[in-house]
Amino acid sequence: MAKTKSASSTKRLGRDSQPKYLGIKLSEGQKAKPGIIIVRQRGTKLFPGKNVKRGSDDTLYAMKEGVIKFTVKRKRRFDNSQRLIKIVNVV
């Protein structure tokens, strides 16, 4: 008698989750129209800047037509420590 089930039978069959397709959708220098998604992310890895809004799932999207520009800025925290943050602008 076999100790385990036959070849094609597994416990985790059909339980793999779908990909979430996160990441930067438009790179620097590309044109953006109003409402178009620039970045899909979990948490604020990139922050919204000029003419960019953040959705409820932290997605960044354009508010006006323009060209995408990424900048880096120092941000001071409440405990006086600093960190570099990346900001997405539509200019």
C-alpha atoms as a PDB file:
ATOM      1  CA  MET A   1       0.000   0.000   0.000  1.00  0.00           C
ATOM      2  CA  ALA A   2       1.172   3.521  -0.823  1.00  0.00           C
ATOM      3  CA  LYS A   3       1.976   5.848   2.046  1.00  0.00           C
ATOM      4  CA  THR A   4       1.084   9.018   0.043  1.00  0.00           C
ATOM      5  CA  LYS A   5      -1.487   9.810  -2.631  1.00  0.00           C
ATOM      6  CA  SER A   6      -0.704   9.386  -6.327  1.00  0.00           C
ATOM      7  CA  ALA A   7       1.339  11.753  -8.516  1.00  0.00           C
ATOM      8  CA  SER A   8      -0.939  14.656  -9.490  1.00  0.00           C
ATOM      9  CA  SER A   9      -2.759  15.091  -6.184  1.00  0.00           C
ATOM     10  CA  THR A  10      -1.449  17.854  -3.907  1.00  0.00           C
ATOM     11  CA  LYS A  11      -2.782  19.665  -0.861  1.00  0.00           C
ATOM     12  CA  ARG A  12      -2.179  23.190  -2.248  1.00  0.00           C
ATOM     13  CA  LEU A  13      -3.908  22.693  -5.597  1.00  0.00           C
ATOM     14  CA  GLY A  14      -5.574  25.898  -6.834  1.00  0.00           C
ATOM     15  CA  ARG A  15      -4.608  28.058  -3.835  1.00  0.00           C
ATOM     16  CA  ASP A  16      -1.999  30.309  -5.424  1.00  0.00           C
ATOM     17  CA  SER A  17      -2.942  34.029  -5.300  1.00  0.00           C
ATOM     18  CA  GLN A  18      -3.161  36.216  -8.380  1.00  0.00           C
ATOM     19  CA  PRO A  19      -0.311  38.685  -9.133  1.00  0.00           C
ATOM     20  CA  LYS A  20      -0.996  42.269  -8.022  1.00  0.00           C
ATOM     21  CA  TYR A  21       0.919  44.061 -10.837  1.00  0.00           C
ATOM     22  CA  LEU A  22       2.533  46.660  -8.551  1.00  0.00           C
ATOM     23  CA  GLY A  23       5.261  49.108  -9.542  1.00  0.00           C
ATOM     24  CA  ILE A  24       5.940  52.238 -11.590  1.00  0.00           C
ATOM     25  CA  LYS A  25       3.659  52.458 -14.636  1.00  0.00           C
ATOM     26  CA  LEU A  26       5.016  55.699 -16.170  1.00  0.00           C
ATOM     27  CA  SER A  27       8.684  56.660 -16.011  1.00  0.00           C
ATOM     28  CA  GLU A  28      10.286  60.102 -15.856  1.00  0.00           C
ATOM     29  CA  GLY A  29       9.812  62.249 -18.946  1.00  0.00           C
ATOM     30  CA  GLN A  30       6.642  60.495 -20.122  1.00  0.00           C
ATOM     31  CA  LYS A  31       3.415  62.441 -20.620  1.00  0.00           C
ATOM     32  CA  ALA A  32       0.525  61.887 -18.211  1.00  0.00           C
ATOM     33  CA  LYS A  33      -3.150  62.655 -18.686  1.00  0.00           C
ATOM     34  CA  PRO A  34      -5.551  63.414 -15.808  1.00  0.00           C
ATOM     35  CA  GLY A  35      -6.551  60.299 -13.851  1.00  0.00           C
ATOM     36  CA  ILE A  36      -3.852  58.043 -15.297  1.00  0.00           C
ATOM     37  CA  ILE A  37      -2.050  55.772 -12.808  1.00  0.00           C
ATOM     38  CA  ILE A  38       1.643  56.576 -12.284  1.00  0.00           C
ATOM     39  CA  VAL A  39       2.582  54.146  -9.466  1.00  0.00           C
ATOM     40  CA  ARG A  40       0.837  51.161  -7.878  1.00  0.00           C
ATOM     41  CA  GLN A  41       2.287  50.444  -4.428  1.00  0.00           C
ATOM     42  CA  ARG A  42       1.643  49.001  -0.980  1.00  0.00           C
ATOM     43  CA  GLY A  43       2.443  51.705   1.572  1.00  0.00           C
ATOM     44  CA  THR A  44       3.943  55.055   0.596  1.00  0.00           C
ATOM     45  CA  LYS A  45       7.305  54.146  -0.916  1.00  0.00           C
ATOM     46  CA  LEU A  46       6.863  57.122  -3.253  1.00  0.00           C
ATOM     47  CA  PHE A  47       5.063  60.276  -2.124  1.00  0.00           C
ATOM     48  CA  PRO A  48       2.687  62.471  -4.155  1.00  0.00           C
ATOM     49  CA  GLY A  49       3.981  65.886  -5.184  1.00  0.00           C
ATOM     50  CA  LYS A  50       2.640  68.648  -7.436  1.00  0.00           C
ATOM     51  CA  ASN A  51      -0.490  67.656  -9.437  1.00  0.00           C
ATOM     52  CA  VAL A  52      -0.402  64.080  -8.048  1.00  0.00           C
ATOM     53  CA  LYS A  53      -2.930  62.518  -5.657  1.00  0.00           C
ATOM     54  CA  ARG A  54      -2.782  59.361  -3.535  1.00  0.00           C
ATOM     55  CA  GLY A  55      -5.640  56.850  -3.665  1.00  0.00           C
ATOM     56  CA  SER A  56      -6.981  54.780  -0.766  1.00  0.00           C
ATOM     57  CA  ASP A  57      -4.720  51.836  -1.733  1.00  0.00           C
ATOM     58  CA  ASP A  58      -1.657  54.183  -1.922  1.00  0.00           C
ATOM     59  CA  THR A  59      -1.836  54.358  -5.731  1.00  0.00           C
ATOM     60  CA  LEU A  60      -0.433  57.599  -7.174  1.00  0.00           C
ATOM     61  CA  TYR A  61      -2.302  59.151 -10.101  1.00  0.00           C
ATOM     62  CA  ALA A  62      -2.084  62.371 -12.121  1.00  0.00           C
ATOM     63  CA  MET A  63      -4.490  65.272 -11.561  1.00  0.00           C
ATOM     64  CA  LYS A  64      -3.448  67.404 -14.553  1.00  0.00           C
ATOM     65  CA  GLU A  65      -1.836  66.853 -17.918  1.00  0.00           C
ATOM     66  CA  GLY A  66       1.945  67.176 -17.958  1.00  0.00           C
ATOM     67  CA  VAL A  67       5.318  65.422 -17.822  1.00  0.00           C
ATOM     68  CA  ILE A  68       6.341  63.104 -14.971  1.00  0.00           C
ATOM     69  CA  LYS A  69       9.300  64.122 -12.819  1.00  0.00           C
ATOM     70  CA  PHE A  70      10.821  62.261  -9.843  1.00  0.00           C
ATOM     71  CA  THR A  71      12.638  64.211  -7.111  1.00  0.00           C
ATOM     72  CA  VAL A  72      14.389  63.299  -3.848  1.00  0.00           C
ATOM     73  CA  LYS A  73      13.932  65.369  -0.707  1.00  0.00           C
ATOM     74  CA  ARG A  74      15.010  65.168   2.944  1.00  0.00           C
ATOM     75  CA  LYS A  75      12.148  64.754   5.391  1.00  0.00           C
ATOM     76  CA  ARG A  76      12.526  65.411   9.104  1.00  0.00           C
ATOM     77  CA  ARG A  77      10.683  62.975  11.357  1.00  0.00           C
ATOM     78  CA  PHE A  78       9.066  63.693  14.738  1.00  0.00           C
ATOM     79  CA  ASP A  79      12.111  62.347  16.610  1.00  0.00           C
ATOM     80  CA  ASN A  80      14.333  64.811  14.641  1.00  0.00           C
ATOM     81  CA  SER A  81      15.879  62.042  12.519  1.00  0.00           C
ATOM     82  CA  GLN A  82      15.946  62.523   8.745  1.00  0.00           C
ATOM     83  CA  ARG A  83      15.162  60.287   5.801  1.00  0.00           C
ATOM     84  CA  LEU A  84      15.261  60.677   2.035  1.00  0.00           C
ATOM     85  CA  ILE A  85      11.868  60.419   0.341  1.00  0.00           C
ATOM     86  CA  LYS A  86      11.085  60.079  -3.358  1.00  0.00           C
ATOM     87  CA  ILE A  87       8.407  62.446  -4.676  1.00  0.00           C
ATOM     88  CA  VAL A  88       6.447  62.130  -7.935  1.00  0.00           C
ATOM     89  CA  ASN A  89       5.448  65.380  -9.685  1.00  0.00           C
ATOM     90  CA  VAL A  90       3.505  66.170 -12.849  1.00  0.00           C
ATOM     91  CA  VAL A  91       4.898  69.408 -14.296  1.00  0.00           C
END
